Amino acid sequence: MQTLNANEIYNMDCLTGMKEIPDDTVDLVVTDPPYLINYKSSTPHNKNARSRKPIIGDDADEDLIRGYSKECYRILKPDTALYMFCSTKTVDVFKPALTEAGFNFKNIIIWYKRSGTAGDLEAQYQQFYEPILYVNKGRAKMNGKRLPDIWEFPRVSWQVQRHQNQKPLNLIKLCMEKHSKEGDLVFDGFMGSGTTAIAAIQLNRKYLGFEIDPVFYFDAKARIAEELAPKV
């Protein structure tokens, strides 16, 4: 097993890699795991895009989320926070997995995306939001003022999207600003296109994470290199 270093993303299964992370060493988890709904983008603009294929692990059983939640609890320091994105369709799987792992449930934050999903056009209301589960290991005090539990950030447009479930950079940065400080280590076991890493770099935090899909892994590495390159 390779030695894990801060400010690295590893192309491997997170449950395997996390076993090499010592207990009580991570300051914050901000993570966007597979929603267990076998999602793929229906965007017609690029029919050959990787984002039009199902996300690796998104058809996994609930044990993935249970095992991941337990490992996140183990590696987090006492009195720290975790933010986990999920789907309204599987929140009843994600929330119990986190509480069973030992986390104290605090909020379901509503991310209002300003635009909605397609879904069943004739028998379903258009959904304009996603839930973010905010939990504590112990009690994690927030930095700065107390915020409401509805956060408005426009979704990443398809013109610049590098992953079908890519989250807005400023949304990830808000999570980090509320529950970490400069120099802290932020973990994400499902890095996707590397947004958590980019947010950490811009906020002077350290990052560590995994991405099992080699296409997204190499794209995340390229994106990080672009971010770190000298600005002309």
Protein backbone atom coordinates (compact mmCIF):
# COMPACT_ATOMS: atom_id res chain seq x y z
CA MET A 1 0.00 0.00 0.00
CA GLN A 2 1.35 3.41 -0.97
CA THR A 3 1.95 6.10 1.63
CA LEU A 4 -0.71 8.79 1.43
CA ASN A 5 0.38 12.41 1.28
CA ALA A 6 -1.54 15.62 1.76
CA ASN A 7 -2.37 17.63 -1.37
CA GLU A 8 -2.81 14.47 -3.45
CA ILE A 9 -5.66 12.66 -5.16
CA TYR A 10 -5.31 8.90 -5.57
CA ASN A 11 -6.85 6.83 -8.37
CA MET A 12 -8.30 4.05 -6.23
CA ASP A 13 -11.35 2.90 -4.31
CA CYS A 14 -11.80 5.21 -1.33
CA LEU A 15 -12.74 2.47 1.14
CA THR A 16 -9.44 0.75 0.39
CA GLY A 17 -7.40 3.93 0.52
CA MET A 18 -8.99 5.31 3.67
CA LYS A 19 -7.68 2.37 5.67
CA GLU A 20 -4.25 3.99 5.39
CA ILE A 21 -5.43 7.27 6.96
CA PRO A 22 -4.79 7.33 10.73
CA ASP A 23 -7.60 7.97 13.21
CA ASP A 24 -8.44 11.57 14.14
CA THR A 25 -6.28 13.29 11.51
CA VAL A 26 -8.73 15.07 9.18
CA ASP A 27 -10.15 18.53 9.98
CA LEU A 28 -13.17 18.53 7.65
CA VAL A 29 -14.95 16.29 5.16
CA VAL A 30 -16.75 17.84 2.19
CA THR A 31 -17.92 15.06 -0.08
CA ASP A 32 -20.25 14.16 -2.93
CA PRO A 33 -20.57 10.36 -3.03
CA PRO A 34 -22.58 8.38 -5.59
CA TYR A 35 -26.28 8.91 -4.95
CA LEU A 36 -27.14 5.22 -5.57
CA ILE A 37 -29.56 6.15 -8.35
CA ASN A 38 -27.43 5.08 -11.37
CA TYR A 39 -27.38 8.65 -12.64
CA LYS A 40 -26.06 9.74 -16.01
CA SER A 41 -26.41 13.06 -17.76
CA SER A 42 -29.02 13.45 -20.47
CA THR A 43 -27.34 16.58 -21.86
CA PRO A 44 -27.44 16.28 -25.65
CA HIS A 45 -24.55 18.60 -26.40
CA ASN A 46 -21.82 15.92 -26.44
CA LYS A 47 -23.10 12.40 -26.92
CA ASN A 48 -19.64 10.90 -26.48
CA ALA A 49 -18.89 12.66 -23.19
CA ARG A 50 -17.89 10.56 -20.16
CA SER A 51 -20.62 12.38 -18.27
CA ARG A 52 -23.27 10.62 -20.36
CA LYS A 53 -22.23 7.30 -18.84
CA PRO A 54 -23.35 6.20 -15.34
CA ILE A 55 -21.08 7.24 -12.49
CA ILE A 56 -18.88 4.41 -11.24
CA GLY A 57 -20.39 3.12 -7.99
CA ASP A 58 -23.73 4.85 -8.45
CA ASP A 59 -25.47 1.49 -8.73
CA ALA A 60 -23.77 0.18 -5.58
CA ASP A 61 -25.73 -1.04 -2.60
CA GLU A 62 -26.20 0.86 0.63
CA ASP A 63 -23.12 -0.74 2.20
CA LEU A 64 -20.96 1.73 0.25
CA ILE A 65 -22.46 4.69 2.08
CA ARG A 66 -22.47 2.90 5.45
CA GLY A 67 -18.82 1.88 5.14
CA TYR A 68 -17.79 5.31 3.88
CA SER A 69 -19.61 7.10 6.71
CA LYS A 70 -17.86 4.93 9.31
CA GLU A 71 -14.45 5.61 7.79
CA CYS A 72 -15.14 9.34 7.64
CA TYR A 73 -16.07 9.32 11.33
CA ARG A 74 -12.88 7.43 12.20
CA ILE A 75 -10.48 9.74 10.35
CA LEU A 76 -12.06 13.01 11.49
CA LYS A 77 -10.70 14.77 14.54
CA PRO A 78 -13.06 15.31 17.49
CA ASP A 79 -15.43 18.29 17.24
CA THR A 80 -15.31 18.57 13.46
CA ALA A 81 -17.86 18.68 10.65
CA LEU A 82 -18.88 16.71 7.57
CA TYR A 83 -20.92 17.96 4.61
CA MET A 84 -22.34 15.23 2.37
CA PHE A 85 -24.36 15.87 -0.78
CA CYS A 86 -27.12 13.39 -1.56
CA SER A 87 -30.34 12.87 -3.49
CA THR A 88 -33.87 13.37 -2.19
CA LYS A 89 -34.50 9.82 -3.42
CA THR A 90 -31.86 8.29 -1.13
CA VAL A 91 -31.64 10.70 1.82
CA ASP A 92 -33.33 8.03 3.94
CA VAL A 93 -30.26 5.85 3.29
CA PHE A 94 -27.59 8.50 3.76
CA LYS A 95 -28.91 10.09 6.97
CA PRO A 96 -29.16 6.83 8.98
CA ALA A 97 -25.74 5.75 7.69
CA LEU A 98 -24.19 8.91 9.14
CA THR A 99 -25.95 8.70 12.50
CA GLU A 100 -25.18 4.98 12.81
CA ALA A 101 -21.51 5.82 12.22
CA GLY A 102 -21.62 8.09 15.29
CA PHE A 103 -22.24 11.52 13.79
CA ASN A 104 -24.55 14.04 15.42
CA PHE A 105 -27.10 15.20 12.86
CA LYS A 106 -27.41 19.00 12.62
CA ASN A 107 -29.13 20.10 9.40
CA ILE A 108 -30.33 19.19 5.98
CA ILE A 109 -29.08 22.21 4.06
CA ILE A 110 -31.06 22.98 0.91
CA TRP A 111 -28.92 23.87 -2.07
CA TYR A 112 -31.19 25.96 -4.34
CA LYS A 113 -29.76 25.61 -7.85
CA ARG A 114 -31.92 28.21 -9.66
CA SER A 115 -32.64 25.68 -12.42
CA GLY A 116 -34.35 22.32 -12.33
CA THR A 117 -34.08 18.77 -13.51
CA ALA A 118 -36.23 17.28 -16.25
CA GLY A 119 -37.62 14.11 -14.65
CA ASP A 120 -41.13 12.97 -15.52
CA LEU A 121 -42.42 15.94 -17.48
CA GLU A 122 -46.09 15.02 -17.07
CA ALA A 123 -46.31 13.59 -13.55
CA GLN A 124 -43.49 15.15 -11.51
CA TYR A 125 -42.77 18.66 -10.28
CA GLN A 126 -39.48 20.11 -11.45
CA GLN A 127 -36.84 19.85 -8.72
CA PHE A 128 -34.73 22.96 -8.14
CA TYR A 129 -32.71 21.81 -5.15
CA GLU A 130 -30.43 19.15 -3.66
CA PRO A 131 -29.98 18.31 0.03
CA ILE A 132 -26.64 18.58 1.82
CA LEU A 133 -26.38 16.61 5.05
CA TYR A 134 -24.44 18.57 7.66
CA VAL A 135 -23.31 16.51 10.68
CA ASN A 136 -20.78 16.81 13.50
CA LYS A 137 -18.33 14.46 15.13
CA GLY A 138 -18.85 15.83 18.60
CA ARG A 139 -19.77 19.50 18.32
CA ALA A 140 -18.21 21.66 15.62
CA LYS A 141 -18.69 25.38 16.11
CA MET A 142 -19.17 27.43 12.95
CA ASN A 143 -16.84 30.21 11.86
CA GLY A 144 -18.47 33.60 11.44
CA LYS A 145 -22.16 34.37 11.52
CA ARG A 146 -24.91 31.80 11.62
CA LEU A 147 -26.47 31.21 8.20
CA PRO A 148 -29.94 30.00 7.17
CA ASP A 149 -30.24 26.43 5.90
CA ILE A 150 -31.08 27.41 2.31
CA TRP A 151 -28.02 28.20 0.16
CA GLU A 152 -28.44 29.65 -3.32
CA PHE A 153 -25.75 28.88 -5.87
CA PRO A 154 -26.38 28.40 -9.61
CA ARG A 155 -25.52 24.93 -10.88
CA VAL A 156 -22.43 24.54 -13.04
CA SER A 157 -23.47 25.13 -16.65
CA TRP A 158 -22.89 22.41 -19.22
CA GLN A 159 -20.56 24.74 -21.17
CA VAL A 160 -17.89 24.52 -18.44
CA GLN A 161 -18.92 21.30 -16.71
CA ARG A 162 -16.19 18.67 -16.32
CA HIS A 163 -18.32 16.14 -14.41
CA GLN A 164 -22.05 15.44 -14.62
CA ASN A 165 -22.51 16.11 -10.90
CA GLN A 166 -19.95 18.89 -10.57
CA LYS A 167 -20.72 21.22 -7.67
CA PRO A 168 -20.22 25.00 -7.75
CA LEU A 169 -16.79 25.99 -6.48
CA ASN A 170 -18.15 28.75 -4.26
CA LEU A 171 -20.57 26.32 -2.60
CA ILE A 172 -17.71 24.00 -1.64
CA LYS A 173 -15.67 26.98 -0.46
CA LEU A 174 -18.51 28.08 1.83
CA CYS A 175 -18.48 24.68 3.55
CA MET A 176 -14.73 25.02 4.09
CA GLU A 177 -14.96 28.58 5.34
CA LYS A 178 -17.58 27.67 7.94
CA HIS A 179 -15.69 24.71 9.40
CA SER A 180 -11.96 24.93 8.75
CA LYS A 181 -9.06 27.33 8.90
CA GLU A 182 -5.92 27.87 6.82
CA GLY A 183 -3.61 24.86 6.93
CA ASP A 184 -6.38 22.39 7.84
CA LEU A 185 -6.73 19.08 6.02
CA VAL A 186 -9.97 18.62 4.02
CA PHE A 187 -10.93 15.15 2.79
CA ASP A 188 -13.14 13.99 -0.09
CA GLY A 189 -13.34 10.31 -1.00
CA PHE A 190 -15.15 11.01 -4.28
CA MET A 191 -13.16 13.82 -5.89
CA GLY A 192 -14.75 13.69 -9.33
CA SER A 193 -13.31 16.59 -11.31
CA GLY A 194 -11.39 17.92 -8.29
CA THR A 195 -13.59 20.78 -7.10
CA THR A 196 -12.88 20.07 -3.41
CA ALA A 197 -9.15 20.21 -4.11
CA ILE A 198 -9.44 23.48 -6.06
CA ALA A 199 -11.45 25.05 -3.24
CA ALA A 200 -8.84 23.94 -0.70
CA ILE A 201 -6.01 25.40 -2.78
CA GLN A 202 -7.77 28.74 -3.15
CA LEU A 203 -8.48 28.90 0.60
CA ASN A 204 -4.99 27.78 1.68
CA ARG A 205 -6.18 24.44 3.04
CA LYS A 206 -4.61 21.04 2.43
CA TYR A 207 -6.62 18.36 0.66
CA LEU A 208 -6.62 14.59 0.37
CA GLY A 209 -8.92 12.37 -1.63
CA PHE A 210 -9.67 9.54 -4.01
CA GLU A 211 -11.29 9.16 -7.42
CA ILE A 212 -11.86 5.66 -8.80
CA ASP A 213 -12.70 6.67 -12.39
CA PRO A 214 -9.40 7.14 -14.28
CA VAL A 215 -10.96 9.63 -16.71
CA PHE A 216 -12.07 11.98 -13.96
CA TYR A 217 -8.90 11.32 -11.94
CA PHE A 218 -6.60 12.53 -14.72
CA ASP A 219 -8.90 15.44 -15.46
CA ALA A 220 -8.83 16.46 -11.78
CA LYS A 221 -5.03 16.26 -11.78
CA ALA A 222 -4.92 18.45 -14.89
CA ARG A 223 -7.32 20.93 -13.34
CA ILE A 224 -5.16 21.17 -10.21
CA ALA A 225 -2.06 21.72 -12.35
CA GLU A 226 -3.87 24.54 -14.15
CA GLU A 227 -4.82 26.09 -10.82
CA LEU A 228 -1.25 25.92 -9.50
CA ALA A 229 0.40 27.15 -12.71
CA PRO A 230 1.90 30.65 -12.53
CA LYS A 231 -0.62 33.25 -13.62
CA VAL A 232 0.54 35.32 -16.58
